[in-house]
C-alpha cells in the first residue's frame, strides 16, 4: 500500500502518517518497532515507502486502538503512459539482445 492508501484507510493526514512511520536517517530498513508503522524493506532511499496491508491493520488495531478497519486494495487501471513505457522497454530489450549477439 502506498502512503495515500494508508492515509485513506486510517483516515489520518499525510503528515500524521509520516509521524507514525518507522524510518531512520541512519539505516534504510530499521528494525521492527511494534509501536510504529513499519514499511516494507527497500533497496534504496529513492524507493517509495510501501506498506503491507496486514501491517497497516496491525498498527491500527494494536497502536491506534481501532476496532473496525476495512483495508481495501484497489487496482489502478492502466493508463496510456504506462502502456507506452512498457512498449519502449520491450524495444530497448530487443535492441540490447541484437547488440549482444553482434558482440559475439
N, C-alpha and C. Protein backbone atom coordinates (compact mmCIF):
# COMPACT_ATOMS: atom_id res chain seq x y z
N UNK A 1 0.84 -1.17 0.00
CA UNK A 1 0.00 0.00 0.00
C UNK A 1 0.89 1.24 0.00
N UNK A 2 0.47 2.24 -0.72
CA UNK A 2 1.21 3.50 -0.75
C UNK A 2 0.80 4.36 0.45
N UNK A 3 1.53 5.46 0.63
CA UNK A 3 1.20 6.41 1.70
C UNK A 3 -0.24 6.90 1.55
N UNK A 4 -0.65 7.19 0.32
CA UNK A 4 -2.00 7.70 0.08
C UNK A 4 -3.06 6.67 0.49
N UNK A 5 -2.81 5.39 0.17
CA UNK A 5 -3.76 4.35 0.53
C UNK A 5 -3.84 4.18 2.05
N UNK A 6 -2.70 4.25 2.72
CA UNK A 6 -2.68 4.16 4.18
C UNK A 6 -3.43 5.36 4.78
N UNK A 7 -3.20 6.51 4.21
CA UNK A 7 -3.87 7.73 4.67
C UNK A 7 -5.39 7.59 4.58
N UNK A 8 -5.88 7.06 3.48
CA UNK A 8 -7.32 6.88 3.31
C UNK A 8 -7.85 5.80 4.25
N UNK A 9 -7.09 4.73 4.44
CA UNK A 9 -7.54 3.63 5.29
C UNK A 9 -7.63 4.05 6.75
N UNK A 10 -6.61 4.76 7.23
CA UNK A 10 -6.58 5.16 8.64
C UNK A 10 -7.31 6.47 8.90
N UNK A 11 -7.70 7.15 7.83
CA UNK A 11 -8.39 8.44 7.92
C UNK A 11 -7.57 9.44 8.74
N UNK A 12 -6.31 9.56 8.37
CA UNK A 12 -5.39 10.49 9.01
C UNK A 12 -4.74 11.35 7.94
N UNK A 13 -4.17 12.48 8.34
CA UNK A 13 -3.49 13.34 7.38
C UNK A 13 -2.17 12.71 6.96
N UNK A 14 -1.66 13.16 5.85
CA UNK A 14 -0.38 12.66 5.35
C UNK A 14 0.74 12.90 6.36
N UNK A 15 0.72 14.07 7.00
CA UNK A 15 1.75 14.40 7.99
C UNK A 15 1.70 13.44 9.17
N UNK A 16 0.50 13.11 9.64
CA UNK A 16 0.41 12.21 10.79
C UNK A 16 0.85 10.80 10.41
N UNK A 17 0.60 10.38 9.18
CA UNK A 17 1.07 9.06 8.74
C UNK A 17 2.60 9.04 8.78
N UNK A 18 3.24 10.09 8.30
CA UNK A 18 4.70 10.14 8.33
C UNK A 18 5.23 10.15 9.77
N UNK A 19 4.48 10.73 10.71
CA UNK A 19 4.91 10.69 12.11
C UNK A 19 4.86 9.28 12.67
N UNK A 20 3.92 8.46 12.20
CA UNK A 20 3.78 7.09 12.68
C UNK A 20 4.78 6.13 12.06
N UNK A 21 5.33 6.46 10.91
CA UNK A 21 6.17 5.52 10.15
C UNK A 21 7.51 5.30 10.82
N UNK A 22 7.95 4.05 10.83
CA UNK A 22 9.23 3.66 11.40
C UNK A 22 10.32 3.88 10.36
N UNK A 23 10.95 5.06 10.37
CA UNK A 23 12.06 5.36 9.47
C UNK A 23 13.23 5.89 10.28
N UNK A 24 14.40 5.88 9.66
CA UNK A 24 15.60 6.33 10.34
C UNK A 24 16.53 6.99 9.33
N UNK A 25 17.27 8.00 9.79
CA UNK A 25 18.24 8.66 8.92
C UNK A 25 19.48 7.80 8.73
N UNK A 26 19.76 6.92 9.69
CA UNK A 26 20.99 6.13 9.65
C UNK A 26 20.86 4.87 8.77
N UNK A 27 19.69 4.23 8.80
CA UNK A 27 19.53 2.99 8.05
C UNK A 27 18.31 3.07 7.14
N UNK A 28 18.38 2.32 6.05
CA UNK A 28 17.25 2.29 5.11
C UNK A 28 16.10 1.49 5.71
N UNK A 29 16.43 0.34 6.31
CA UNK A 29 15.42 -0.55 6.87
C UNK A 29 15.66 -0.73 8.37
N UNK A 30 15.09 0.14 9.21
CA UNK A 30 15.28 0.00 10.65
C UNK A 30 14.59 -1.27 11.16
N UNK A 31 15.00 -1.76 12.34
CA UNK A 31 14.37 -2.96 12.89
C UNK A 31 12.90 -2.72 13.22
N UNK A 32 12.16 -3.82 13.31
CA UNK A 32 10.72 -3.77 13.59
C UNK A 32 10.47 -3.07 14.92
N UNK A 33 9.52 -2.14 14.90
CA UNK A 33 9.11 -1.43 16.12
C UNK A 33 7.61 -1.63 16.26
N UNK A 34 7.16 -2.34 17.31
CA UNK A 34 5.72 -2.62 17.43
C UNK A 34 4.87 -1.38 17.69
N UNK A 35 5.47 -0.27 18.07
CA UNK A 35 4.71 0.95 18.32
C UNK A 35 4.65 1.88 17.11
N UNK A 36 5.28 1.48 16.01
CA UNK A 36 5.32 2.32 14.80
C UNK A 36 4.75 1.55 13.62
N UNK A 37 4.48 2.25 12.54
CA UNK A 37 4.01 1.66 11.29
C UNK A 37 5.25 1.30 10.47
N UNK A 38 5.49 0.01 10.31
CA UNK A 38 6.72 -0.48 9.68
C UNK A 38 6.53 -0.68 8.18
N UNK A 39 7.35 0.00 7.35
CA UNK A 39 7.22 -0.16 5.90
C UNK A 39 7.88 -1.45 5.43
N UNK A 40 7.60 -1.80 4.17
CA UNK A 40 8.26 -2.95 3.54
C UNK A 40 9.74 -2.61 3.37
N UNK A 41 10.57 -3.64 3.21
CA UNK A 41 12.01 -3.41 3.02
C UNK A 41 12.26 -2.74 1.67
N UNK A 42 13.22 -1.82 1.68
CA UNK A 42 13.59 -1.09 0.46
C UNK A 42 15.04 -1.35 0.13
N UNK A 43 15.39 -1.22 -1.15
CA UNK A 43 16.76 -1.39 -1.60
C UNK A 43 17.53 -0.07 -1.57
N UNK A 44 16.82 1.04 -1.73
CA UNK A 44 17.46 2.36 -1.68
C UNK A 44 16.47 3.38 -1.12
N UNK A 45 17.00 4.52 -0.71
CA UNK A 45 16.15 5.56 -0.15
C UNK A 45 15.24 6.19 -1.20
N UNK A 46 15.56 6.03 -2.45
CA UNK A 46 14.75 6.62 -3.52
C UNK A 46 13.46 5.85 -3.76
N UNK A 47 13.40 4.61 -3.31
CA UNK A 47 12.17 3.84 -3.48
C UNK A 47 11.09 4.40 -2.55
N UNK A 48 9.86 4.44 -3.01
CA UNK A 48 8.80 4.97 -2.15
C UNK A 48 8.50 4.02 -0.99
N UNK A 49 7.97 4.57 0.08
CA UNK A 49 7.56 3.76 1.21
C UNK A 49 6.31 2.99 0.83
N UNK A 50 6.34 1.68 1.03
CA UNK A 50 5.18 0.83 0.79
C UNK A 50 4.89 0.04 2.06
N UNK A 51 3.62 -0.29 2.28
CA UNK A 51 3.20 -0.96 3.50
C UNK A 51 2.35 -2.18 3.16
N UNK A 52 2.59 -3.26 3.88
CA UNK A 52 1.78 -4.46 3.70
C UNK A 52 0.43 -4.22 4.38
N UNK A 53 -0.67 -4.65 3.77
CA UNK A 53 -1.99 -4.43 4.37
C UNK A 53 -2.11 -5.01 5.78
N UNK A 54 -1.47 -6.16 6.03
CA UNK A 54 -1.53 -6.75 7.37
C UNK A 54 -0.83 -5.85 8.40
N UNK A 55 0.25 -5.19 7.99
CA UNK A 55 0.96 -4.29 8.90
C UNK A 55 0.11 -3.06 9.21
N UNK A 56 -0.59 -2.55 8.23
CA UNK A 56 -1.48 -1.40 8.45
C UNK A 56 -2.60 -1.79 9.41
N UNK A 57 -3.17 -2.98 9.20
CA UNK A 57 -4.24 -3.46 10.09
C UNK A 57 -3.71 -3.67 11.51
N UNK A 58 -2.52 -4.26 11.65
CA UNK A 58 -1.92 -4.48 12.97
C UNK A 58 -1.71 -3.15 13.69
N UNK A 59 -1.15 -2.18 12.98
CA UNK A 59 -0.89 -0.87 13.56
C UNK A 59 -2.19 -0.21 14.02
N UNK A 60 -3.21 -0.26 13.17
CA UNK A 60 -4.49 0.37 13.50
C UNK A 60 -5.12 -0.29 14.73
N UNK A 61 -5.02 -1.60 14.81
CA UNK A 61 -5.64 -2.33 15.92
C UNK A 61 -4.84 -2.18 17.21
N UNK A 62 -3.53 -2.45 17.15
CA UNK A 62 -2.70 -2.50 18.36
C UNK A 62 -2.28 -1.13 18.88
N UNK A 63 -1.96 -0.22 18.00
CA UNK A 63 -1.42 1.07 18.43
C UNK A 63 -2.50 2.15 18.49
N UNK A 64 -3.31 2.22 17.46
CA UNK A 64 -4.32 3.29 17.40
C UNK A 64 -5.62 2.90 18.10
N UNK A 65 -5.79 1.63 18.42
CA UNK A 65 -6.99 1.18 19.12
C UNK A 65 -8.24 1.13 18.28
N UNK A 66 -8.09 1.08 16.97
CA UNK A 66 -9.25 0.98 16.08
C UNK A 66 -9.78 -0.46 16.13
N UNK A 67 -11.07 -0.61 16.33
CA UNK A 67 -11.63 -1.95 16.40
C UNK A 67 -12.16 -2.41 15.05
N UNK A 68 -12.70 -1.50 14.28
CA UNK A 68 -13.19 -1.87 12.95
C UNK A 68 -12.38 -1.12 11.91
N UNK A 69 -11.76 -1.89 11.05
CA UNK A 69 -10.94 -1.30 10.00
C UNK A 69 -11.12 -2.14 8.75
N UNK A 70 -11.37 -1.49 7.66
CA UNK A 70 -11.53 -2.18 6.39
C UNK A 70 -10.42 -1.74 5.46
N UNK A 71 -9.52 -2.66 5.16
CA UNK A 71 -8.41 -2.37 4.26
C UNK A 71 -8.82 -2.81 2.87
N UNK A 72 -8.88 -1.86 1.95
CA UNK A 72 -9.25 -2.15 0.57
C UNK A 72 -8.08 -1.84 -0.34
N UNK A 73 -7.77 -2.79 -1.19
CA UNK A 73 -6.74 -2.57 -2.20
C UNK A 73 -7.44 -2.43 -3.54
N UNK A 74 -7.28 -1.28 -4.14
CA UNK A 74 -7.89 -1.03 -5.43
C UNK A 74 -6.81 -1.08 -6.50
N UNK A 75 -7.09 -1.80 -7.56
CA UNK A 75 -6.13 -1.84 -8.65
C UNK A 75 -6.31 -0.59 -9.50
N UNK A 76 -5.20 -0.02 -9.87
CA UNK A 76 -5.22 1.19 -10.68
C UNK A 76 -5.29 0.77 -12.15
N UNK A 77 -6.26 1.28 -12.88
CA UNK A 77 -6.35 0.91 -14.29
C UNK A 77 -5.13 1.42 -15.06
N UNK A 78 -4.67 0.62 -16.03
CA UNK A 78 -3.50 1.07 -16.81
C UNK A 78 -3.83 2.36 -17.56
N UNK A 79 -2.82 3.20 -17.68
CA UNK A 79 -3.03 4.43 -18.42
C UNK A 79 -2.12 4.42 -19.65
N UNK A 80 -2.36 5.30 -20.60
CA UNK A 80 -1.57 5.30 -21.85
C UNK A 80 -0.07 5.49 -21.61
N UNK A 81 0.30 6.25 -20.60
CA UNK A 81 1.73 6.46 -20.33
C UNK A 81 2.40 5.16 -19.93
N UNK A 82 1.75 4.37 -19.05
CA UNK A 82 2.31 3.09 -18.65
C UNK A 82 2.44 2.15 -19.85
N UNK A 83 1.42 2.14 -20.70
CA UNK A 83 1.47 1.29 -21.89
C UNK A 83 2.64 1.69 -22.80
N UNK A 84 2.82 2.99 -22.99
CA UNK A 84 3.91 3.48 -23.84
C UNK A 84 5.27 3.11 -23.25
N UNK A 85 5.41 3.28 -21.94
CA UNK A 85 6.67 2.93 -21.29
C UNK A 85 6.97 1.43 -21.40
N UNK A 86 5.94 0.59 -21.32
CA UNK A 86 6.14 -0.85 -21.48
C UNK A 86 6.59 -1.18 -22.90
N UNK A 87 6.02 -0.51 -23.89
CA UNK A 87 6.43 -0.71 -25.28
C UNK A 87 7.88 -0.28 -25.49
N UNK A 88 8.26 0.86 -24.93
CA UNK A 88 9.64 1.36 -25.03
C UNK A 88 10.60 0.38 -24.37
N UNK A 89 10.22 -0.14 -23.20
CA UNK A 89 11.05 -1.12 -22.50
C UNK A 89 11.23 -2.37 -23.35
N UNK A 90 10.19 -2.83 -23.98
CA UNK A 90 10.28 -4.00 -24.86
C UNK A 90 11.22 -3.76 -26.03
N UNK A 91 11.12 -2.59 -26.63
CA UNK A 91 12.01 -2.26 -27.75
C UNK A 91 13.46 -2.16 -27.29
N UNK A 92 13.70 -1.58 -26.12
CA UNK A 92 15.07 -1.49 -25.61
C UNK A 92 15.65 -2.86 -25.32
N UNK A 93 14.84 -3.76 -24.79
CA UNK A 93 15.32 -5.13 -24.53
C UNK A 93 15.67 -5.82 -25.85
N UNK A 94 14.84 -5.60 -26.86
CA UNK A 94 15.10 -6.20 -28.17
C UNK A 94 16.41 -5.65 -28.76
N UNK A 95 16.62 -4.34 -28.67
CA UNK A 95 17.85 -3.73 -29.17
C UNK A 95 19.05 -4.27 -28.42
N UNK A 96 18.92 -4.45 -27.12
CA UNK A 96 20.04 -4.99 -26.33
C UNK A 96 20.39 -6.41 -26.77
N UNK A 97 19.37 -7.22 -27.01
CA UNK A 97 19.62 -8.59 -27.47
C UNK A 97 20.38 -8.58 -28.80
N UNK A 98 19.97 -7.71 -29.69
CA UNK A 98 20.65 -7.62 -31.01
C UNK A 98 22.10 -7.19 -30.82
N UNK A 99 22.35 -6.18 -29.98
CA UNK A 99 23.71 -5.71 -29.76
C UNK A 99 24.59 -6.78 -29.10
N UNK A 100 24.01 -7.54 -28.18
CA UNK A 100 24.77 -8.61 -27.54
C UNK A 100 25.12 -9.72 -28.51
N UNK A 101 24.21 -10.01 -29.45
CA UNK A 101 24.51 -11.02 -30.48
C UNK A 101 25.60 -10.54 -31.41
N UNK A 102 25.60 -9.24 -31.74
CA UNK A 102 26.61 -8.69 -32.62
C UNK A 102 28.00 -8.69 -31.98
N UNK A 103 28.06 -8.53 -30.66
CA UNK A 103 29.34 -8.52 -29.96
C UNK A 103 29.98 -9.89 -29.96
N UNK A 104 29.19 -10.94 -30.02
CA UNK A 104 29.72 -12.31 -30.01
C UNK A 104 30.26 -12.63 -31.36
